Amino acid sequence: MQSSPSECYKGWKKEDGNTQGRCCCNCRYQDPIVGHPWNKTSLTRTSITHIIGYGCKMPESDRIVFFDTNHGMCEMHEYPFNNVIHIVTKEDNV
């Protein structure tokens, strides 16, 4: 059985059908968005080390979607390539 080492049920609950722990926080398309001291609005005028939200850049879109939380879910979810593991079992005949 394959599993994700970072399963999360905060954005899409297990009882609502999330059988694999998929959440925006473990999706390859999500990146943190940081502020910058030169920005004009108070929300975004902050240090570049301060996360102000999260951006989702799906390959099918030419836009980045801004979220104020890193938890959520959509049909475009994909685990990061380096986040995929395979648990070796007796059936693998290794």
PDB file of N, CA and C in Angstrom:
ATOM      1  N   MET A   1       0.835  -1.184   0.000  1.00  0.00           N
ATOM      2  CA  MET A   1       0.000   0.000   0.000  1.00  0.00           C
ATOM      3  C   MET A   1       0.878   1.245   0.000  1.00  0.00           C
ATOM      4  N   GLN A   2       0.539   2.254  -0.805  1.00  0.00           N
ATOM      5  CA  GLN A   2       1.289   3.493  -0.818  1.00  0.00           C
ATOM      6  C   GLN A   2       0.669   4.459   0.165  1.00  0.00           C
ATOM      7  N   SER A   3       1.504   5.299   0.735  1.00  0.00           N
ATOM      8  CA  SER A   3       1.038   6.227   1.741  1.00  0.00           C
ATOM      9  C   SER A   3       1.812   7.523   1.623  1.00  0.00           C
ATOM     10  N   SER A   4       1.224   8.602   2.091  1.00  0.00           N
ATOM     11  CA  SER A   4       1.911   9.880   2.148  1.00  0.00           C
ATOM     12  C   SER A   4       2.409  10.089   3.562  1.00  0.00           C
ATOM     13  N   PRO A   5       3.650  10.516   3.739  1.00  0.00           N
ATOM     14  CA  PRO A   5       4.156  10.737   5.091  1.00  0.00           C
ATOM     15  C   PRO A   5       3.557  11.976   5.745  1.00  0.00           C
ATOM     16  N   SER A   6       2.818  12.782   4.992  1.00  0.00           N
ATOM     17  CA  SER A   6       2.264  14.008   5.577  1.00  0.00           C
ATOM     18  C   SER A   6       0.759  14.096   5.343  1.00  0.00           C
ATOM     19  N   GLU A   7       0.055  13.043   5.668  1.00  0.00           N
ATOM     20  CA  GLU A   7      -1.400  13.050   5.508  1.00  0.00           C
ATOM     21  C   GLU A   7      -2.017  14.140   6.371  1.00  0.00           C
ATOM     22  N   CYS A   8      -3.049  14.806   5.848  1.00  0.00           N
ATOM     23  CA  CYS A   8      -3.721  15.872   6.585  1.00  0.00           C
ATOM     24  C   CYS A   8      -5.210  15.826   6.257  1.00  0.00           C
ATOM     25  N   TYR A   9      -6.003  16.015   7.273  1.00  0.00           N
ATOM     26  CA  TYR A   9      -7.451  15.988   7.101  1.00  0.00           C
ATOM     27  C   TYR A   9      -8.103  17.298   7.536  1.00  0.00           C
ATOM     28  N   LYS A  10      -7.318  18.373   7.629  1.00  0.00           N
ATOM     29  CA  LYS A  10      -7.854  19.664   8.065  1.00  0.00           C
ATOM     30  C   LYS A  10      -8.630  20.365   6.955  1.00  0.00           C
ATOM     31  N   GLY A  11      -8.199  20.231   5.716  1.00  0.00           N
ATOM     32  CA  GLY A  11      -8.875  20.891   4.607  1.00  0.00           C
ATOM     33  C   GLY A  11     -10.030  20.090   4.037  1.00  0.00           C
ATOM     34  N   TRP A  12      -9.910  18.775   4.116  1.00  0.00           N
ATOM     35  CA  TRP A  12     -10.943  17.863   3.604  1.00  0.00           C
ATOM     36  C   TRP A  12     -10.990  16.700   4.584  1.00  0.00           C
ATOM     37  N   LYS A  13     -12.043  16.588   5.311  1.00  0.00           N
ATOM     38  CA  LYS A  13     -12.136  15.621   6.403  1.00  0.00           C
ATOM     39  C   LYS A  13     -12.263  14.178   5.914  1.00  0.00           C
ATOM     40  N   LYS A  14     -11.727  13.270   6.704  1.00  0.00           N
ATOM     41  CA  LYS A  14     -11.770  11.847   6.382  1.00  0.00           C
ATOM     42  C   LYS A  14     -13.212  11.360   6.235  1.00  0.00           C
ATOM     43  N   GLU A  15     -14.092  11.818   7.126  1.00  0.00           N
ATOM     44  CA  GLU A  15     -15.489  11.386   7.069  1.00  0.00           C
ATOM     45  C   GLU A  15     -16.224  11.939   5.857  1.00  0.00           C
ATOM     46  N   ASP A  16     -15.629  12.911   5.172  1.00  0.00           N
ATOM     47  CA  ASP A  16     -16.220  13.456   3.946  1.00  0.00           C
ATOM     48  C   ASP A  16     -15.658  12.799   2.685  1.00  0.00           C
ATOM     49  N   GLY A  17     -14.860  11.739   2.864  1.00  0.00           N
ATOM     50  CA  GLY A  17     -14.373  10.975   1.726  1.00  0.00           C
ATOM     51  C   GLY A  17     -12.899  11.115   1.413  1.00  0.00           C
ATOM     52  N   ASN A  18     -12.148  11.804   2.237  1.00  0.00           N
ATOM     53  CA  ASN A  18     -10.709  11.955   2.002  1.00  0.00           C
ATOM     54  C   ASN A  18      -9.991  10.711   2.510  1.00  0.00           C
ATOM     55  N   THR A  19      -9.796   9.749   1.639  1.00  0.00           N
ATOM     56  CA  THR A  19      -9.217   8.471   2.046  1.00  0.00           C
ATOM     57  C   THR A  19      -7.694   8.465   2.032  1.00  0.00           C
ATOM     58  N   GLN A  20      -7.060   9.518   1.471  1.00  0.00           N
ATOM     59  CA  GLN A  20      -5.601   9.516   1.336  1.00  0.00           C
ATOM     60  C   GLN A  20      -4.924  10.696   2.019  1.00  0.00           C
ATOM     61  N   GLY A  21      -5.646  11.460   2.819  1.00  0.00           N
ATOM     62  CA  GLY A  21      -5.033  12.563   3.541  1.00  0.00           C
ATOM     63  C   GLY A  21      -4.613  13.721   2.661  1.00  0.00           C
ATOM     64  N   ARG A  22      -5.327  13.940   1.563  1.00  0.00           N
ATOM     65  CA  ARG A  22      -4.990  15.024   0.638  1.00  0.00           C
ATOM     66  C   ARG A  22      -5.452  16.370   1.206  1.00  0.00           C
ATOM     67  N   CYS A  23      -4.569  17.331   1.162  1.00  0.00           N
ATOM     68  CA  CYS A  23      -4.865  18.676   1.649  1.00  0.00           C
ATOM     69  C   CYS A  23      -3.948  19.644   0.896  1.00  0.00           C
ATOM     70  N   CYS A  24      -4.338  20.885   0.807  1.00  0.00           N
ATOM     71  CA  CYS A  24      -3.486  21.879   0.141  1.00  0.00           C
ATOM     72  C   CYS A  24      -2.092  21.941   0.772  1.00  0.00           C
ATOM     73  N   CYS A  25      -2.008  21.681   2.082  1.00  0.00           N
ATOM     74  CA  CYS A  25      -0.712  21.775   2.760  1.00  0.00           C
ATOM     75  C   CYS A  25       0.275  20.707   2.291  1.00  0.00           C
ATOM     76  N   ASN A  26      -0.192  19.635   1.646  1.00  0.00           N
ATOM     77  CA  ASN A  26       0.733  18.621   1.138  1.00  0.00           C
ATOM     78  C   ASN A  26       0.626  18.480  -0.383  1.00  0.00           C
ATOM     79  N   CYS A  27       0.241  19.565  -1.044  1.00  0.00           N
ATOM     80  CA  CYS A  27       0.125  19.568  -2.504  1.00  0.00           C
ATOM     81  C   CYS A  27       1.355  20.221  -3.132  1.00  0.00           C
ATOM     82  N   ARG A  28       1.788  19.681  -4.233  1.00  0.00           N
ATOM     83  CA  ARG A  28       2.981  20.205  -4.911  1.00  0.00           C
ATOM     84  C   ARG A  28       2.772  21.583  -5.510  1.00  0.00           C
ATOM     85  N   TYR A  29       1.543  22.023  -5.696  1.00  0.00           N
ATOM     86  CA  TYR A  29       1.274  23.308  -6.337  1.00  0.00           C
ATOM     87  C   TYR A  29       1.185  24.468  -5.350  1.00  0.00           C
ATOM     88  N   GLN A  30       1.238  24.193  -4.066  1.00  0.00           N
ATOM     89  CA  GLN A  30       1.118  25.269  -3.075  1.00  0.00           C
ATOM     90  C   GLN A  30       2.479  25.777  -2.632  1.00  0.00           C
ATOM     91  N   ASP A  31       2.611  27.095  -2.572  1.00  0.00           N
ATOM     92  CA  ASP A  31       3.823  27.744  -2.077  1.00  0.00           C
ATOM     93  C   ASP A  31       3.423  28.853  -1.119  1.00  0.00           C
ATOM     94  N   PRO A  32       4.251  29.078  -0.086  1.00  0.00           N
ATOM     95  CA  PRO A  32       3.966  30.202   0.801  1.00  0.00           C
ATOM     96  C   PRO A  32       4.223  31.526   0.079  1.00  0.00           C
ATOM     97  N   ILE A  33       3.430  32.524   0.430  1.00  0.00           N
ATOM     98  CA  ILE A  33       3.623  33.880  -0.092  1.00  0.00           C
ATOM     99  C   ILE A  33       4.085  34.737   1.078  1.00  0.00           C
ATOM    100  N   VAL A  34       5.157  35.472   0.871  1.00  0.00           N
ATOM    101  CA  VAL A  34       5.705  36.305   1.936  1.00  0.00           C
ATOM    102  C   VAL A  34       5.479  37.778   1.615  1.00  0.00           C
ATOM    103  N   GLY A  35       5.544  38.578   2.646  1.00  0.00           N
ATOM    104  CA  GLY A  35       5.393  40.021   2.478  1.00  0.00           C
ATOM    105  C   GLY A  35       6.694  40.665   2.023  1.00  0.00           C
ATOM    106  N   HIS A  36       6.635  41.991   1.880  1.00  0.00           N
ATOM    107  CA  HIS A  36       7.817  42.769   1.526  1.00  0.00           C
ATOM    108  C   HIS A  36       7.672  44.151   2.152  1.00  0.00           C
ATOM    109  N   PRO A  37       8.745  44.694   2.726  1.00  0.00           N
ATOM    110  CA  PRO A  37       8.654  45.988   3.404  1.00  0.00           C
ATOM    111  C   PRO A  37       8.247  47.155   2.493  1.00  0.00           C
ATOM    112  N   TRP A  38       8.384  47.022   1.209  1.00  0.00           N
ATOM    113  CA  TRP A  38       8.032  48.114   0.289  1.00  0.00           C
ATOM    114  C   TRP A  38       6.576  48.066  -0.166  1.00  0.00           C
ATOM    115  N   ASN A  39       5.842  47.004   0.172  1.00  0.00           N
ATOM    116  CA  ASN A  39       4.429  46.938  -0.196  1.00  0.00           C
ATOM    117  C   ASN A  39       3.654  48.063   0.491  1.00  0.00           C
ATOM    118  N   LYS A  40       2.545  48.449  -0.118  1.00  0.00           N
ATOM    119  CA  LYS A  40       1.785  49.598   0.369  1.00  0.00           C
ATOM    120  C   LYS A  40       0.709  49.251   1.403  1.00  0.00           C
ATOM    121  N   THR A  41       0.141  48.051   1.333  1.00  0.00           N
ATOM    122  CA  THR A  41      -0.926  47.704   2.282  1.00  0.00           C
ATOM    123  C   THR A  41      -0.342  47.084   3.544  1.00  0.00           C
ATOM    124  N   SER A  42      -1.037  47.258   4.647  1.00  0.00           N
ATOM    125  CA  SER A  42      -0.521  46.773   5.928  1.00  0.00           C
ATOM    126  C   SER A  42      -0.443  45.246   5.981  1.00  0.00           C
ATOM    127  N   LEU A  43      -1.344  44.558   5.281  1.00  0.00           N
ATOM    128  CA  LEU A  43      -1.313  43.093   5.266  1.00  0.00           C
ATOM    129  C   LEU A  43      -0.023  42.570   4.637  1.00  0.00           C
ATOM    130  N   THR A  44       0.418  43.206   3.583  1.00  0.00           N
ATOM    131  CA  THR A  44       1.570  42.689   2.831  1.00  0.00           C
ATOM    132  C   THR A  44       2.865  43.428   3.121  1.00  0.00           C
ATOM    133  N   ARG A  45       2.821  44.545   3.837  1.00  0.00           N
ATOM    134  CA  ARG A  45       4.033  45.299   4.169  1.00  0.00           C
ATOM    135  C   ARG A  45       4.627  44.719   5.447  1.00  0.00           C
ATOM    136  N   THR A  46       5.508  43.784   5.260  1.00  0.00           N
ATOM    137  CA  THR A  46       6.132  43.082   6.378  1.00  0.00           C
ATOM    138  C   THR A  46       7.445  42.488   5.885  1.00  0.00           C
ATOM    139  N   SER A  47       8.114  41.808   6.736  1.00  0.00           N
ATOM    140  CA  SER A  47       9.395  41.183   6.407  1.00  0.00           C
ATOM    141  C   SER A  47       9.216  40.073   5.368  1.00  0.00           C
ATOM    142  N   ILE A  48      10.244  39.849   4.575  1.00  0.00           N
ATOM    143  CA  ILE A  48      10.176  38.770   3.587  1.00  0.00           C
ATOM    144  C   ILE A  48      10.262  37.391   4.242  1.00  0.00           C
ATOM    145  N   THR A  49      10.464  37.353   5.534  1.00  0.00           N
ATOM    146  CA  THR A  49      10.456  36.073   6.250  1.00  0.00           C
ATOM    147  C   THR A  49       9.080  35.770   6.835  1.00  0.00           C
ATOM    148  N   HIS A  50       8.138  36.709   6.698  1.00  0.00           N
ATOM    149  CA  HIS A  50       6.799  36.546   7.261  1.00  0.00           C
ATOM    150  C   HIS A  50       5.827  36.033   6.192  1.00  0.00           C
ATOM    151  N   ILE A  51       5.247  34.862   6.424  1.00  0.00           N
ATOM    152  CA  ILE A  51       4.275  34.289   5.487  1.00  0.00           C
ATOM    153  C   ILE A  51       2.941  35.009   5.668  1.00  0.00           C
ATOM    154  N   ILE A  52       2.420  35.564   4.565  1.00  0.00           N
ATOM    155  CA  ILE A  52       1.140  36.283   4.621  1.00  0.00           C
ATOM    156  C   ILE A  52       0.000  35.473   4.016  1.00  0.00           C
ATOM    157  N   GLY A  53       0.310  34.365   3.386  1.00  0.00           N
ATOM    158  CA  GLY A  53      -0.705  33.515   2.774  1.00  0.00           C
ATOM    159  C   GLY A  53      -0.044  32.433   1.955  1.00  0.00           C
ATOM    160  N   TYR A  54      -0.844  31.796   1.130  1.00  0.00           N
ATOM    161  CA  TYR A  54      -0.359  30.676   0.332  1.00  0.00           C
ATOM    162  C   TYR A  54      -0.884  30.806  -1.087  1.00  0.00           C
ATOM    163  N   GLY A  55      -0.037  30.476  -2.047  1.00  0.00           N
ATOM    164  CA  GLY A  55      -0.427  30.552  -3.442  1.00  0.00           C
ATOM    165  C   GLY A  55      -0.487  29.176  -4.066  1.00  0.00           C
ATOM    166  N   CYS A  56      -1.504  28.975  -4.888  1.00  0.00           N
ATOM    167  CA  CYS A  56      -1.669  27.718  -5.599  1.00  0.00           C
ATOM    168  C   CYS A  56      -1.468  27.988  -7.085  1.00  0.00           C
ATOM    169  N   LYS A  57      -0.468  27.344  -7.674  1.00  0.00           N
ATOM    170  CA  LYS A  57      -0.162  27.512  -9.094  1.00  0.00           C
ATOM    171  C   LYS A  57      -0.335  26.181  -9.802  1.00  0.00           C
ATOM    172  N   MET A  58      -1.577  25.926 -10.217  1.00  0.00           N
ATOM    173  CA  MET A  58      -1.870  24.695 -10.946  1.00  0.00           C
ATOM    174  C   MET A  58      -1.383  24.850 -12.386  1.00  0.00           C
ATOM    175  N   PRO A  59      -0.897  23.793 -12.999  1.00  0.00           N
ATOM    176  CA  PRO A  59      -0.372  23.906 -14.361  1.00  0.00           C
ATOM    177  C   PRO A  59      -1.441  24.266 -15.399  1.00  0.00           C
ATOM    178  N   GLU A  60      -2.695  23.964 -15.121  1.00  0.00           N
ATOM    179  CA  GLU A  60      -3.766  24.250 -16.075  1.00  0.00           C
ATOM    180  C   GLU A  60      -4.225  25.705 -16.033  1.00  0.00           C
ATOM    181  N   SER A  61      -3.654  26.507 -15.125  1.00  0.00           N
ATOM    182  CA  SER A  61      -4.082  27.890 -14.953  1.00  0.00           C
ATOM    183  C   SER A  61      -2.913  28.829 -15.204  1.00  0.00           C
ATOM    184  N   ASP A  62      -3.222  30.003 -15.733  1.00  0.00           N
ATOM    185  CA  ASP A  62      -2.180  31.004 -15.922  1.00  0.00           C
ATOM    186  C   ASP A  62      -2.169  32.004 -14.765  1.00  0.00           C
ATOM    187  N   ARG A  63      -2.883  31.684 -13.693  1.00  0.00           N
ATOM    188  CA  ARG A  63      -2.961  32.541 -12.518  1.00  0.00           C
ATOM    189  C   ARG A  63      -2.588  31.777 -11.264  1.00  0.00           C
ATOM    190  N   ILE A  64      -2.224  32.530 -10.247  1.00  0.00           N
ATOM    191  CA  ILE A  64      -1.948  31.962  -8.931  1.00  0.00           C
ATOM    192  C   ILE A  64      -3.113  32.323  -8.031  1.00  0.00           C
ATOM    193  N   VAL A  65      -3.675  31.335  -7.363  1.00  0.00           N
ATOM    194  CA  VAL A  65      -4.806  31.550  -6.468  1.00  0.00           C
ATOM    195  C   VAL A  65      -4.255  31.781  -5.061  1.00  0.00           C
ATOM    196  N   PHE A  66      -4.699  32.867  -4.413  1.00  0.00           N
ATOM    197  CA  PHE A  66      -4.251  33.209  -3.065  1.00  0.00           C
ATOM    198  C   PHE A  66      -5.208  32.634  -2.032  1.00  0.00           C
ATOM    199  N   PHE A  67      -4.634  32.013  -0.994  1.00  0.00           N
ATOM    200  CA  PHE A  67      -5.409  31.507   0.135  1.00  0.00           C
ATOM    201  C   PHE A  67      -4.819  32.087   1.414  1.00  0.00           C
ATOM    202  N   ASP A  68      -5.667  32.356   2.395  1.00  0.00           N
ATOM    203  CA  ASP A  68      -5.155  32.860   3.669  1.00  0.00           C
ATOM    204  C   ASP A  68      -4.849  31.731   4.650  1.00  0.00           C
ATOM    205  N   THR A  69      -5.044  30.508   4.226  1.00  0.00           N
ATOM    206  CA  THR A  69      -4.696  29.337   5.035  1.00  0.00           C
ATOM    207  C   THR A  69      -4.034  28.304   4.136  1.00  0.00           C
ATOM    208  N   ASN A  70      -3.245  27.437   4.718  1.00  0.00           N
ATOM    209  CA  ASN A  70      -2.591  26.409   3.890  1.00  0.00           C
ATOM    210  C   ASN A  70      -3.387  25.111   3.837  1.00  0.00           C
ATOM    211  N   HIS A  71      -4.577  25.089   4.446  1.00  0.00           N
ATOM    212  CA  HIS A  71      -5.419  23.894   4.417  1.00  0.00           C
ATOM    213  C   HIS A  71      -6.629  24.118   3.524  1.00  0.00           C
ATOM    214  N   GLY A  72      -6.933  23.136   2.710  1.00  0.00           N
ATOM    215  CA  GLY A  72      -8.060  23.184   1.798  1.00  0.00           C
ATOM    216  C   GLY A  72      -7.983  21.968   0.888  1.00  0.00           C
ATOM    217  N   MET A  73      -8.719  21.998  -0.184  1.00  0.00           N
ATOM    218  CA  MET A  73      -8.690  20.859  -1.101  1.00  0.00           C
ATOM    219  C   MET A  73      -9.322  21.245  -2.423  1.00  0.00           C
ATOM    220  N   CYS A  74      -8.784  20.690  -3.511  1.00  0.00           N
ATOM    221  CA  CYS A  74      -9.405  20.826  -4.821  1.00  0.00           C
ATOM    222  C   CYS A  74      -9.083  19.596  -5.652  1.00  0.00           C
ATOM    223  N   GLU A  75      -9.685  19.508  -6.811  1.00  0.00           N
ATOM    224  CA  GLU A  75      -9.511  18.335  -7.672  1.00  0.00           C
ATOM    225  C   GLU A  75      -8.149  18.288  -8.361  1.00  0.00           C
ATOM    226  N   MET A  76      -7.338  19.341  -8.242  1.00  0.00           N
ATOM    227  CA  MET A  76      -6.027  19.391  -8.898  1.00  0.00           C
ATOM    228  C   MET A  76      -4.899  18.876  -8.000  1.00  0.00           C
ATOM    229  N   HIS A  77      -5.204  18.412  -6.802  1.00  0.00           N
ATOM    230  CA  HIS A  77      -4.185  18.012  -5.826  1.00  0.00           C
ATOM    231  C   HIS A  77      -3.245  16.960  -6.382  1.00  0.00           C
ATOM    232  N   GLU A  78      -1.965  17.183  -6.132  1.00  0.00           N
ATOM    233  CA  GLU A  78      -0.933  16.177  -6.414  1.00  0.00           C
ATOM    234  C   GLU A  78       0.102  16.273  -5.308  1.00  0.00           C
ATOM    235  N   TYR A  79       0.536  15.112  -4.822  1.00  0.00           N
ATOM    236  CA  TYR A  79       1.610  15.117  -3.843  1.00  0.00           C
ATOM    237  C   TYR A  79       2.898  15.554  -4.518  1.00  0.00           C
ATOM    238  N   PRO A  80       3.811  16.208  -3.784  1.00  0.00           N
ATOM    239  CA  PRO A  80       5.120  16.541  -4.373  1.00  0.00           C
ATOM    240  C   PRO A  80       5.857  15.269  -4.757  1.00  0.00           C
ATOM    241  N   PHE A  81       6.703  15.359  -5.751  1.00  0.00           N
ATOM    242  CA  PHE A  81       7.447  14.182  -6.203  1.00  0.00           C
ATOM    243  C   PHE A  81       8.299  13.610  -5.087  1.00  0.00           C
ATOM    244  N   ASN A  82       8.915  14.458  -4.292  1.00  0.00           N
ATOM    245  CA  ASN A  82       9.794  13.962  -3.224  1.00  0.00           C
ATOM    246  C   ASN A  82       9.018  13.529  -1.997  1.00  0.00           C
ATOM    247  N   ASN A  83       7.691  13.575  -2.058  1.00  0.00           N
ATOM    248  CA  ASN A  83       6.860  13.223  -0.920  1.00  0.00           C
ATOM    249  C   ASN A  83       6.184  11.863  -1.116  1.00  0.00           C
ATOM    250  N   VAL A  84       6.513  11.194  -2.203  1.00  0.00           N
ATOM    251  CA  VAL A  84       5.896   9.900  -2.490  1.00  0.00           C
ATOM    252  C   VAL A  84       6.812   8.800  -1.969  1.00  0.00           C
ATOM    253  N   ILE A  85       6.257   7.912  -1.185  1.00  0.00           N
ATOM    254  CA  ILE A  85       7.047   6.795  -0.670  1.00  0.00           C
ATOM    255  C   ILE A  85       6.330   5.500  -1.020  1.00  0.00           C
ATOM    256  N   HIS A  86       7.065   4.445  -0.994  1.00  0.00           N
ATOM    257  CA  HIS A  86       6.478   3.133  -1.193  1.00  0.00           C
ATOM    258  C   HIS A  86       6.898   2.271  -0.017  1.00  0.00           C
ATOM    259  N   ILE A  87       5.941   1.728   0.654  1.00  0.00           N
ATOM    260  CA  ILE A  87       6.211   0.853   1.789  1.00  0.00           C
ATOM    261  C   ILE A  87       6.419  -0.553   1.255  1.00  0.00           C
ATOM    262  N   VAL A  88       7.598  -1.097   1.495  1.00  0.00           N
ATOM    263  CA  VAL A  88       7.932  -2.430   1.004  1.00  0.00           C
ATOM    264  C   VAL A  88       7.193  -3.467   1.833  1.00  0.00           C
ATOM    265  N   THR A  89       6.560  -4.381   1.133  1.00  0.00           N
ATOM    266  CA  THR A  89       5.812  -5.449   1.791  1.00  0.00           C
ATOM    267  C   THR A  89       6.325  -6.798   1.287  1.00  0.00           C
ATOM    268  N   LYS A  90       5.811  -7.883   1.862  1.00  0.00           N
ATOM    269  CA  LYS A  90       6.195  -9.221   1.439  1.00  0.00           C
ATOM    270  C   LYS A  90       5.869  -9.447  -0.048  1.00  0.00           C
ATOM    271  N   GLU A  91       4.794  -8.833  -0.518  1.00  0.00           N
ATOM    272  CA  GLU A  91       4.361  -9.022  -1.901  1.00  0.00           C
ATOM    273  C   GLU A  91       5.338  -8.411  -2.915  1.00  0.00           C
ATOM    274  N   ASP A  92       6.243  -7.513  -2.474  1.00  0.00           N
ATOM    275  CA  ASP A  92       7.190  -6.880  -3.378  1.00  0.00           C
ATOM    276  C   ASP A  92       8.302  -7.819  -3.815  1.00  0.00           C
ATOM    277  N   ASN A  93       8.486  -8.915  -3.070  1.00  0.00           N
ATOM    278  CA  ASN A  93       9.539  -9.901  -3.389  1.00  0.00           C
ATOM    279  C   ASN A  93      10.898  -9.248  -3.554  1.00  0.00           C
ATOM    280  N   VAL A  94      11.267  -8.420  -2.603  1.00  0.00           N
ATOM    281  CA  VAL A  94      12.558  -7.711  -2.662  1.00  0.00           C
ATOM    282  C   VAL A  94      13.645  -8.602  -2.135  1.00  0.00           C
TER     283      VAL A  94
END
